[in-house]
Amino acid sequence: MTDTVDYALCLEGEIWAVLDEGETLMKAGDVMIQRGTFHAWSNRSGQPCRMAFVLIDADRLKNH
């Protein structure tokens, strides 16, 4: 977990965003914004996936 606001942009291909509450398939053009979550990435397509990430410093939320 990080103290950041994260922007994940899928530029090419597809990838699964694996979060505590489930999984979401991201395809080219999709953007995911998250803050302070546990997560992982899973490329199940057998093809390359190109991503861009922007992480912006943020204060940790209280009670988290």
Protein backbone atom coordinates (compact mmCIF):
# COMPACT_ATOMS: atom_id res chain seq x y z
CA MET A 1 0.00 0.00 0.00
CA THR A 2 1.29 3.45 -0.85
CA ASP A 3 0.43 6.95 0.35
CA THR A 4 -0.34 8.10 -3.19
CA VAL A 5 -3.15 8.69 -5.62
CA ASP A 6 -2.36 6.38 -8.55
CA TYR A 7 -3.44 6.76 -12.17
CA ALA A 8 -2.99 3.61 -14.27
CA LEU A 9 -3.48 4.01 -18.03
CA CYS A 10 -3.67 1.01 -20.34
CA LEU A 11 -2.03 2.14 -23.57
CA GLU A 12 -1.90 -1.14 -25.48
CA GLY A 13 -3.11 -4.70 -24.95
CA GLU A 14 -5.05 -5.78 -21.89
CA ILE A 15 -4.36 -6.57 -18.24
CA TRP A 16 -6.31 -7.59 -15.14
CA ALA A 17 -6.25 -5.23 -12.16
CA VAL A 18 -6.50 -7.47 -9.09
CA LEU A 19 -7.91 -5.66 -6.04
CA ASP A 20 -9.21 -6.75 -2.62
CA GLU A 21 -12.81 -6.55 -3.83
CA GLY A 22 -12.35 -8.30 -7.17
CA GLU A 23 -10.73 -8.12 -10.58
CA THR A 24 -11.26 -5.76 -13.51
CA LEU A 25 -10.09 -6.28 -17.08
CA MET A 26 -8.44 -3.16 -18.46
CA LYS A 27 -8.10 -2.66 -22.21
CA ALA A 28 -6.36 0.01 -24.29
CA GLY A 29 -7.80 3.41 -23.41
CA ASP A 30 -8.96 2.44 -19.91
CA VAL A 31 -7.86 4.42 -16.86
CA MET A 32 -8.00 3.30 -13.23
CA ILE A 33 -7.60 5.72 -10.31
CA GLN A 34 -6.90 4.32 -6.86
CA ARG A 35 -5.78 5.58 -3.51
CA GLY A 36 -4.00 3.51 -0.88
CA THR A 37 -5.25 0.10 -1.99
CA PHE A 38 -3.53 -3.25 -2.12
CA HIS A 39 -3.39 -4.35 -5.75
CA ALA A 40 -1.60 -6.50 -8.30
CA TRP A 41 -1.51 -6.85 -12.09
CA SER A 42 -2.06 -10.02 -14.13
CA ASN A 43 -1.45 -10.24 -17.88
CA ARG A 44 -3.36 -13.36 -18.96
CA SER A 45 -3.48 -12.62 -22.69
CA GLY A 46 -0.09 -13.95 -23.74
CA GLN A 47 0.48 -10.63 -25.54
CA PRO A 48 2.43 -7.57 -24.39
CA CYS A 49 0.59 -4.87 -22.45
CA ARG A 50 1.89 -1.31 -22.29
CA MET A 51 0.90 0.74 -19.25
CA ALA A 52 1.63 4.25 -17.98
CA PHE A 53 1.45 5.12 -14.29
CA VAL A 54 1.32 8.47 -12.51
CA LEU A 55 1.68 8.44 -8.71
CA ILE A 56 0.95 11.62 -6.79
CA ASP A 57 1.94 12.01 -3.14
CA ALA A 58 -1.04 12.03 -0.75
CA ASP A 59 -1.60 11.94 3.00
CA ARG A 60 -2.76 8.64 4.47
CA LEU A 61 -6.47 8.58 5.27
CA LYS A 62 -7.33 8.44 8.97
CA ASN A 63 -8.39 4.98 10.27
CA HIS A 64 -6.72 3.21 7.33
